[in-house]
Amino acid sequence: MVRPGWYADPSGLYEFRWWDGRWTSDVAVRRSKALAFGALTLGIAAFFSIYFPILAVLQAIAATGMAIVAVRQNRNDNFAVLVLSINVVVLSLDAAAFVWSVWVGLLGIVIAPAAP
């Protein structure tokens, strides 16, 4: 007989399900999945905040940091690795938008001031 405990969920909907002679309704998700979903959500928000470059870069840095933690918690979690990859791309785009907005601001104010 199998001992009671947490085992891989046979339905595949969750990471683990409690077995005590039968499958119960008690389920568990690894922290890295929840953290990876949070990182993905924040990364998507950072992508759509690109019109506010400072906010977007800060969000993308936070999302990338969360994804790094998720990958470190479970290196075999392909979803966390995918989220990390997406957030690195978003961070790059947001950083480029920030640099571009600073350049355009300097171009209009300092480099090429309007003629009197």
Protein backbone atom coordinates (compact mmCIF):
# COMPACT_ATOMS: atom_id res chain seq x y z
CA MET A 1 0.00 0.00 0.00
CA VAL A 2 1.19 3.51 -0.80
CA ARG A 3 1.90 5.74 2.18
CA PRO A 4 -0.10 8.96 2.64
CA GLY A 5 1.66 12.07 1.36
CA TRP A 6 2.07 14.60 -1.44
CA TYR A 7 2.41 13.07 -4.89
CA ALA A 8 2.37 14.40 -8.45
CA ASP A 9 -1.19 15.29 -9.38
CA PRO A 10 -2.46 12.64 -11.83
CA SER A 11 -4.84 15.16 -13.42
CA GLY A 12 -1.96 17.47 -14.28
CA LEU A 13 -3.85 20.55 -13.12
CA TYR A 14 -1.66 21.05 -10.04
CA GLU A 15 1.85 20.16 -9.06
CA PHE A 16 0.91 17.95 -6.10
CA ARG A 17 -2.18 16.28 -4.66
CA TRP A 18 -2.56 14.63 -1.25
CA TRP A 19 -2.98 10.85 -1.22
CA ASP A 20 -4.37 9.11 1.87
CA GLY A 21 -5.68 5.96 0.27
CA ARG A 22 -7.59 8.06 -2.25
CA TRP A 23 -6.91 11.36 -4.00
CA THR A 24 -8.21 14.23 -1.90
CA SER A 25 -9.14 17.79 -2.89
CA ASP A 26 -6.01 19.12 -1.16
CA VAL A 27 -3.62 20.44 -3.81
CA ALA A 28 -0.36 22.40 -3.80
CA VAL A 29 1.55 24.50 -6.28
CA ARG A 30 5.29 25.09 -6.10
CA ARG A 31 6.20 28.61 -5.07
CA SER A 32 8.18 29.14 -8.23
CA LYS A 33 5.04 28.70 -10.36
CA ALA A 34 3.18 31.35 -8.38
CA LEU A 35 6.22 33.60 -8.45
CA ALA A 36 6.67 32.99 -12.18
CA PHE A 37 3.03 33.94 -12.83
CA GLY A 38 3.55 37.12 -10.80
CA ALA A 39 6.71 37.89 -12.75
CA LEU A 40 4.87 37.33 -16.04
CA THR A 41 2.03 39.62 -14.99
CA LEU A 42 4.44 42.36 -13.94
CA GLY A 43 6.43 41.90 -17.16
CA ILE A 44 3.28 42.33 -19.26
CA ALA A 45 2.42 45.46 -17.28
CA ALA A 46 5.96 46.76 -17.90
CA PHE A 47 5.57 46.14 -21.63
CA PHE A 48 2.33 48.11 -21.79
CA SER A 49 3.83 50.89 -19.63
CA ILE A 50 6.42 51.62 -22.30
CA TYR A 51 4.93 55.10 -22.80
CA PHE A 52 6.06 55.89 -19.26
CA PRO A 53 9.69 54.79 -19.60
CA ILE A 54 10.85 55.32 -16.01
CA LEU A 55 7.92 53.34 -14.61
CA ALA A 56 8.31 50.68 -17.30
CA VAL A 57 12.00 50.16 -16.58
CA LEU A 58 11.36 49.87 -12.83
CA GLN A 59 8.57 47.35 -13.42
CA ALA A 60 10.71 45.36 -15.84
CA ILE A 61 13.61 45.24 -13.35
CA ALA A 62 11.27 43.97 -10.63
CA ALA A 63 9.70 41.40 -12.99
CA THR A 64 13.10 40.15 -14.12
CA GLY A 65 14.26 39.86 -10.51
CA MET A 66 11.15 37.87 -9.60
CA ALA A 67 11.71 35.56 -12.57
CA ILE A 68 15.34 35.00 -11.54
CA VAL A 69 14.18 33.98 -8.06
CA ALA A 70 11.57 31.65 -9.59
CA VAL A 71 14.20 29.96 -11.77
CA ARG A 72 16.58 29.59 -8.82
CA GLN A 73 13.86 27.94 -6.73
CA ASN A 74 13.27 25.29 -9.38
CA ARG A 75 15.78 25.05 -12.20
CA ASN A 76 13.69 22.39 -13.97
CA ASP A 77 10.67 24.69 -14.32
CA ASN A 78 10.52 25.50 -18.03
CA PHE A 79 7.73 28.03 -17.48
CA ALA A 80 9.92 30.08 -15.11
CA VAL A 81 12.75 30.03 -17.67
CA LEU A 82 10.34 31.19 -20.38
CA VAL A 83 9.07 34.02 -18.16
CA LEU A 84 12.66 35.05 -17.43
CA SER A 85 13.42 35.15 -21.16
CA ILE A 86 10.32 37.23 -21.89
CA ASN A 87 11.12 39.65 -19.08
CA VAL A 88 14.70 40.14 -20.30
CA VAL A 89 13.32 41.11 -23.71
CA VAL A 90 10.78 43.48 -22.10
CA LEU A 91 13.53 45.01 -19.96
CA SER A 92 15.64 45.59 -23.07
CA LEU A 93 12.76 47.25 -24.92
CA ASP A 94 11.88 49.44 -21.94
CA ALA A 95 15.52 50.45 -21.43
CA ALA A 96 15.76 51.35 -25.13
CA ALA A 97 12.57 53.45 -24.83
CA PHE A 98 14.02 55.20 -21.79
CA VAL A 99 17.30 55.99 -23.57
CA TRP A 100 15.39 57.18 -26.63
CA SER A 101 13.16 59.47 -24.57
CA VAL A 102 16.18 60.94 -22.77
CA TRP A 103 17.92 61.49 -26.12
CA VAL A 104 14.87 63.18 -27.64
CA GLY A 105 14.51 65.32 -24.53
CA LEU A 106 18.15 66.39 -24.65
CA LEU A 107 17.98 66.95 -28.39
CA GLY A 108 15.07 69.31 -27.99
CA ILE A 109 16.36 71.13 -24.91
CA VAL A 110 20.16 71.12 -24.86
CA ILE A 111 21.62 70.05 -28.17
CA ALA A 112 19.42 71.97 -30.61
CA PRO A 113 17.74 74.82 -28.75
CA ALA A 114 15.15 76.82 -30.64
CA ALA A 115 16.32 79.97 -32.39
CA PRO A 116 15.22 83.23 -30.74
